Amino acid sequence: DGCLFCQGDQPLLTRESAAAMLLCGRNDGNSAYRLAWNGTGASPVLFPSQMYPDLMNLPDGKGGGWLLKKYPDRVKCVEAADPSELADIDTPEDLEKLRKIQKRREEK
């Protein structure tokens, strides 16, 4: 019914947020859903099966973000429980920030 695009470098994404996105998609098969913080959409993204033909025929060099811009009226956001769920780890500095976040969580 849909395809959830998750980046492998967002280790703090929670099962609950992914499940919320899937539930939204199950109840609304016309819209794409983005995980968001304060209304700003990010990754991951759940694309409905109705968008598969467009995904299969993206212009050269374009990704799913291009499709989201093409159909802005069909894009909805699901708020993350914490902004750290949207953090991606691309550099050693990002990894250090992640370790600090994890340490704070363990101290709570």
Protein backbone atom coordinates (compact mmCIF):
# COMPACT_ATOMS: atom_id res chain seq x y z
CA ASP A 1 0.00 0.00 0.00
CA GLY A 2 2.99 2.27 0.46
CA CYS A 3 6.76 2.44 0.63
CA LEU A 4 8.60 3.89 3.61
CA PHE A 5 11.94 5.44 2.64
CA CYS A 6 14.19 5.44 5.70
CA GLN A 7 17.75 6.64 5.65
CA GLY A 8 20.23 4.37 7.33
CA ASP A 9 21.95 7.27 9.08
CA GLN A 10 19.06 8.28 11.37
CA PRO A 11 19.71 5.94 14.30
CA LEU A 12 17.42 7.76 16.74
CA LEU A 13 14.29 7.27 14.64
CA THR A 14 11.81 5.48 16.89
CA ARG A 15 9.57 2.58 16.16
CA GLU A 16 6.66 4.68 17.41
CA SER A 17 7.25 7.43 14.85
CA ALA A 18 7.55 4.92 12.00
CA ALA A 19 4.37 3.20 13.20
CA ALA A 20 2.53 6.53 13.35
CA MET A 21 3.52 7.29 9.77
CA LEU A 22 2.37 3.85 8.62
CA LEU A 23 -0.94 4.23 10.43
CA CYS A 24 -1.53 7.59 8.77
CA GLY A 25 -0.73 6.08 5.39
CA ARG A 26 -3.06 3.19 6.03
CA ASN A 27 -5.90 5.60 6.74
CA ASP A 28 -5.08 7.93 3.83
CA GLY A 29 -3.72 6.18 0.76
CA ASN A 30 -3.57 9.39 -1.29
CA SER A 31 -0.96 11.31 0.70
CA ALA A 32 2.75 11.06 1.30
CA TYR A 33 3.78 11.41 4.95
CA ARG A 34 6.98 12.97 6.23
CA LEU A 35 8.33 12.82 9.75
CA ALA A 36 8.58 16.38 11.01
CA TRP A 37 9.60 18.63 13.86
CA ASN A 38 7.57 21.79 14.46
CA GLY A 39 5.85 21.33 11.12
CA THR A 40 9.03 21.11 9.06
CA GLY A 41 9.06 17.88 7.10
CA ALA A 42 12.15 15.70 6.82
CA SER A 43 12.97 12.02 6.39
CA PRO A 44 11.74 9.34 6.55
CA VAL A 45 8.97 9.60 3.97
CA LEU A 46 6.07 7.25 3.32
CA PHE A 47 5.00 7.30 -0.32
CA PRO A 48 1.56 5.89 -1.19
CA SER A 49 1.35 3.23 -3.88
CA GLN A 50 -0.42 5.76 -6.10
CA MET A 51 2.92 7.56 -6.42
CA TYR A 52 4.84 4.45 -7.52
CA PRO A 53 4.62 5.28 -11.24
CA ASP A 54 6.12 8.72 -10.52
CA LEU A 55 8.82 7.19 -8.32
CA MET A 56 9.71 4.74 -11.08
CA ASN A 57 10.04 7.56 -13.61
CA LEU A 58 11.85 10.31 -11.72
CA PRO A 59 13.89 12.70 -13.88
CA ASP A 60 17.62 11.98 -14.02
CA GLY A 61 19.36 13.15 -10.89
CA LYS A 62 16.11 13.69 -8.97
CA GLY A 63 14.93 11.83 -5.89
CA GLY A 64 11.77 11.53 -3.87
CA GLY A 65 12.03 15.14 -2.73
CA TRP A 66 11.32 16.22 -6.29
CA LEU A 67 8.07 14.27 -6.18
CA LEU A 68 7.07 15.87 -2.87
CA LYS A 69 7.53 19.30 -4.47
CA LYS A 70 5.48 18.22 -7.47
CA TYR A 71 2.51 17.30 -5.26
CA PRO A 72 2.69 19.65 -2.25
CA ASP A 73 -1.05 19.33 -1.63
CA ARG A 74 -0.58 15.59 -1.10
CA VAL A 75 2.21 15.87 1.49
CA LYS A 76 1.39 15.69 5.18
CA CYS A 77 3.57 15.68 8.27
CA VAL A 78 3.70 13.43 11.29
CA GLU A 79 5.37 15.10 14.26
CA ALA A 80 8.29 13.28 15.85
CA ALA A 81 8.34 12.91 19.61
CA ASP A 82 11.81 14.46 19.74
CA PRO A 83 13.86 16.46 17.21
CA SER A 84 16.79 14.05 17.59
CA GLU A 85 14.82 11.46 15.60
CA LEU A 86 15.46 13.55 12.49
CA ALA A 87 19.22 13.82 13.08
CA ASP A 88 21.38 12.08 10.53
CA ILE A 89 24.92 11.02 11.22
CA ASP A 90 27.24 12.00 8.36
CA THR A 91 30.42 13.15 10.10
CA PRO A 92 32.48 12.32 13.19
CA GLU A 93 31.07 15.52 14.74
CA ASP A 94 27.52 14.27 14.15
CA LEU A 95 28.45 10.99 15.82
CA GLU A 96 29.77 12.85 18.85
CA LYS A 97 26.50 14.80 19.12
CA LEU A 98 24.62 11.50 18.98
CA ARG A 99 26.68 10.08 21.81
CA LYS A 100 25.90 13.15 23.95
CA ILE A 101 22.16 12.79 23.23
CA GLN A 102 22.27 9.10 24.16
CA LYS A 103 24.17 9.85 27.38
CA ARG A 104 21.57 12.47 28.40
CA ARG A 105 18.77 9.98 27.73
CA GLU A 106 20.46 7.33 29.85
CA GLU A 107 20.84 9.80 32.73
CA LYS A 108 17.08 10.48 32.82
